[in-house]
Amino acid sequence: MPNHPLTAAALTLLLQQQLTGCSRATHQAATLLERLAGSHEVDALTRELCQRMSDRLLEQVEQPA
């Protein structure tokens, strides 16, 4: 796992979102994952995965319940 300062925060928010469905955690996790996706301090695969997960989280929020 990448040793980037945002990694732990993004993982915590992602876990919270998955366990509770909290929309605020969803937005915050997506934002941090997007920041990680744009960081050149993490490897290309991790950047791609972070971007894909961010996109998926935002799609979940935009879908009507």
N, C-alpha and C. Protein backbone atom coordinates (compact mmCIF):
# COMPACT_ATOMS: atom_id res chain seq x y z
N MET A 1 0.85 -1.18 0.00
CA MET A 1 0.00 0.00 0.00
C MET A 1 0.89 1.23 0.00
N PRO A 2 0.53 2.23 -0.78
CA PRO A 2 1.34 3.44 -0.85
C PRO A 2 1.42 4.15 0.50
N ASN A 3 2.57 4.69 0.78
CA ASN A 3 2.78 5.43 2.01
C ASN A 3 2.65 6.92 1.70
N HIS A 4 1.43 7.36 1.48
CA HIS A 4 1.15 8.75 1.18
C HIS A 4 0.26 9.27 2.31
N PRO A 5 0.45 10.50 2.75
CA PRO A 5 -0.33 11.02 3.88
C PRO A 5 -1.85 10.93 3.69
N LEU A 6 -2.34 11.02 2.48
CA LEU A 6 -3.79 10.98 2.25
C LEU A 6 -4.35 9.56 2.22
N THR A 7 -3.48 8.57 2.10
CA THR A 7 -3.93 7.19 1.95
C THR A 7 -4.75 6.73 3.15
N ALA A 8 -4.26 6.95 4.35
CA ALA A 8 -4.98 6.51 5.55
C ALA A 8 -6.31 7.23 5.68
N ALA A 9 -6.33 8.52 5.42
CA ALA A 9 -7.58 9.27 5.52
C ALA A 9 -8.59 8.80 4.48
N ALA A 10 -8.14 8.56 3.26
CA ALA A 10 -9.04 8.09 2.21
C ALA A 10 -9.59 6.71 2.56
N LEU A 11 -8.74 5.84 3.07
CA LEU A 11 -9.18 4.50 3.45
C LEU A 11 -10.20 4.56 4.59
N THR A 12 -9.94 5.39 5.58
CA THR A 12 -10.87 5.54 6.70
C THR A 12 -12.24 6.01 6.22
N LEU A 13 -12.26 7.02 5.36
CA LEU A 13 -13.53 7.53 4.85
C LEU A 13 -14.23 6.51 3.96
N LEU A 14 -13.46 5.78 3.18
CA LEU A 14 -14.04 4.75 2.32
C LEU A 14 -14.68 3.65 3.16
N LEU A 15 -14.02 3.24 4.22
CA LEU A 15 -14.57 2.23 5.13
C LEU A 15 -15.84 2.75 5.80
N GLN A 16 -15.79 3.99 6.26
CA GLN A 16 -16.96 4.59 6.90
C GLN A 16 -18.13 4.64 5.92
N GLN A 17 -17.86 5.03 4.70
CA GLN A 17 -18.91 5.11 3.69
C GLN A 17 -19.51 3.74 3.42
N GLN A 18 -18.66 2.73 3.28
CA GLN A 18 -19.14 1.39 2.99
C GLN A 18 -19.95 0.81 4.15
N LEU A 19 -19.56 1.12 5.37
CA LEU A 19 -20.23 0.57 6.54
C LEU A 19 -21.51 1.31 6.92
N THR A 20 -21.56 2.62 6.64
CA THR A 20 -22.70 3.42 7.10
C THR A 20 -23.54 3.99 5.97
N GLY A 21 -22.97 4.10 4.78
CA GLY A 21 -23.69 4.73 3.67
C GLY A 21 -23.77 6.24 3.79
N CYS A 22 -22.97 6.80 4.67
CA CYS A 22 -22.98 8.24 4.91
C CYS A 22 -22.59 9.01 3.64
N SER A 23 -23.47 9.89 3.18
CA SER A 23 -23.20 10.63 1.94
C SER A 23 -22.04 11.62 2.11
N ARG A 24 -21.89 12.15 3.31
CA ARG A 24 -20.76 13.07 3.55
C ARG A 24 -19.43 12.33 3.43
N ALA A 25 -19.37 11.14 4.01
CA ALA A 25 -18.16 10.31 3.90
C ALA A 25 -17.91 9.95 2.44
N THR A 26 -18.98 9.72 1.69
CA THR A 26 -18.84 9.40 0.27
C THR A 26 -18.16 10.53 -0.48
N HIS A 27 -18.65 11.75 -0.27
CA HIS A 27 -18.07 12.92 -0.93
C HIS A 27 -16.62 13.15 -0.49
N GLN A 28 -16.38 13.03 0.80
CA GLN A 28 -15.03 13.25 1.30
C GLN A 28 -14.06 12.19 0.80
N ALA A 29 -14.49 10.94 0.78
CA ALA A 29 -13.64 9.87 0.26
C ALA A 29 -13.34 10.10 -1.22
N ALA A 30 -14.37 10.46 -1.98
CA ALA A 30 -14.18 10.72 -3.41
C ALA A 30 -13.19 11.85 -3.64
N THR A 31 -13.28 12.89 -2.83
CA THR A 31 -12.37 14.03 -2.96
C THR A 31 -10.93 13.62 -2.67
N LEU A 32 -10.72 12.87 -1.59
CA LEU A 32 -9.36 12.44 -1.26
C LEU A 32 -8.81 11.47 -2.30
N LEU A 33 -9.66 10.57 -2.77
CA LEU A 33 -9.21 9.63 -3.80
C LEU A 33 -8.84 10.37 -5.09
N GLU A 34 -9.59 11.41 -5.42
CA GLU A 34 -9.27 12.21 -6.59
C GLU A 34 -7.92 12.92 -6.41
N ARG A 35 -7.66 13.40 -5.21
CA ARG A 35 -6.36 14.04 -4.94
C ARG A 35 -5.23 13.02 -5.08
N LEU A 36 -5.45 11.81 -4.57
CA LEU A 36 -4.43 10.77 -4.71
C LEU A 36 -4.24 10.41 -6.18
N ALA A 37 -5.33 10.39 -6.94
CA ALA A 37 -5.25 10.07 -8.38
C ALA A 37 -4.42 11.09 -9.13
N GLY A 38 -4.40 12.31 -8.63
CA GLY A 38 -3.63 13.37 -9.29
C GLY A 38 -2.22 13.53 -8.75
N SER A 39 -1.86 12.73 -7.77
CA SER A 39 -0.54 12.85 -7.15
C SER A 39 0.50 12.00 -7.89
N HIS A 40 1.64 12.59 -8.12
CA HIS A 40 2.72 11.83 -8.75
C HIS A 40 3.60 11.15 -7.70
N GLU A 41 3.17 11.23 -6.45
CA GLU A 41 3.90 10.58 -5.36
C GLU A 41 3.47 9.13 -5.19
N VAL A 42 2.41 8.72 -5.89
CA VAL A 42 1.97 7.32 -5.85
C VAL A 42 2.12 6.72 -7.24
N ASP A 43 2.17 5.41 -7.31
CA ASP A 43 2.42 4.74 -8.59
C ASP A 43 1.19 4.83 -9.50
N ALA A 44 1.41 4.56 -10.77
CA ALA A 44 0.38 4.71 -11.80
C ALA A 44 -0.84 3.83 -11.53
N LEU A 45 -0.63 2.60 -11.11
CA LEU A 45 -1.75 1.70 -10.84
C LEU A 45 -2.62 2.25 -9.71
N THR A 46 -1.99 2.72 -8.64
CA THR A 46 -2.73 3.29 -7.52
C THR A 46 -3.50 4.53 -7.95
N ARG A 47 -2.89 5.38 -8.75
CA ARG A 47 -3.58 6.57 -9.27
C ARG A 47 -4.82 6.17 -10.06
N GLU A 48 -4.67 5.16 -10.93
CA GLU A 48 -5.81 4.70 -11.74
C GLU A 48 -6.92 4.14 -10.86
N LEU A 49 -6.56 3.32 -9.88
CA LEU A 49 -7.56 2.74 -8.99
C LEU A 49 -8.27 3.81 -8.16
N CYS A 50 -7.51 4.79 -7.70
CA CYS A 50 -8.11 5.88 -6.93
C CYS A 50 -9.10 6.67 -7.78
N GLN A 51 -8.74 6.93 -9.02
CA GLN A 51 -9.64 7.68 -9.90
C GLN A 51 -10.91 6.88 -10.19
N ARG A 52 -10.75 5.60 -10.45
CA ARG A 52 -11.92 4.75 -10.73
C ARG A 52 -12.85 4.67 -9.52
N MET A 53 -12.28 4.54 -8.32
CA MET A 53 -13.11 4.46 -7.13
C MET A 53 -13.78 5.79 -6.85
N SER A 54 -13.09 6.88 -7.05
CA SER A 54 -13.69 8.20 -6.88
C SER A 54 -14.87 8.37 -7.82
N ASP A 55 -14.68 8.00 -9.07
CA ASP A 55 -15.77 8.09 -10.06
C ASP A 55 -16.96 7.24 -9.64
N ARG A 56 -16.69 6.04 -9.17
CA ARG A 56 -17.77 5.14 -8.75
C ARG A 56 -18.54 5.70 -7.57
N LEU A 57 -17.82 6.26 -6.60
CA LEU A 57 -18.49 6.85 -5.44
C LEU A 57 -19.38 8.01 -5.86
N LEU A 58 -18.88 8.85 -6.75
CA LEU A 58 -19.68 10.00 -7.20
C LEU A 58 -20.89 9.54 -8.00
N GLU A 59 -20.76 8.47 -8.75
CA GLU A 59 -21.91 7.93 -9.48
C GLU A 59 -22.98 7.44 -8.50
N GLN A 60 -22.58 6.83 -7.40
CA GLN A 60 -23.53 6.34 -6.40
C GLN A 60 -24.31 7.50 -5.78
N VAL A 61 -23.63 8.60 -5.56
CA VAL A 61 -24.27 9.76 -4.94
C VAL A 61 -25.26 10.40 -5.91
N GLU A 62 -24.91 10.41 -7.18
CA GLU A 62 -25.74 11.07 -8.18
C GLU A 62 -26.98 10.26 -8.55
N GLN A 63 -26.96 8.95 -8.32
CA GLN A 63 -28.11 8.11 -8.66
C GLN A 63 -29.23 8.36 -7.66
N PRO A 64 -30.45 8.55 -8.18
CA PRO A 64 -31.57 8.75 -7.26
C PRO A 64 -31.86 7.48 -6.46
N ALA A 65 -32.24 7.68 -5.23
CA ALA A 65 -32.53 6.53 -4.35
C ALA A 65 -33.87 5.90 -4.65
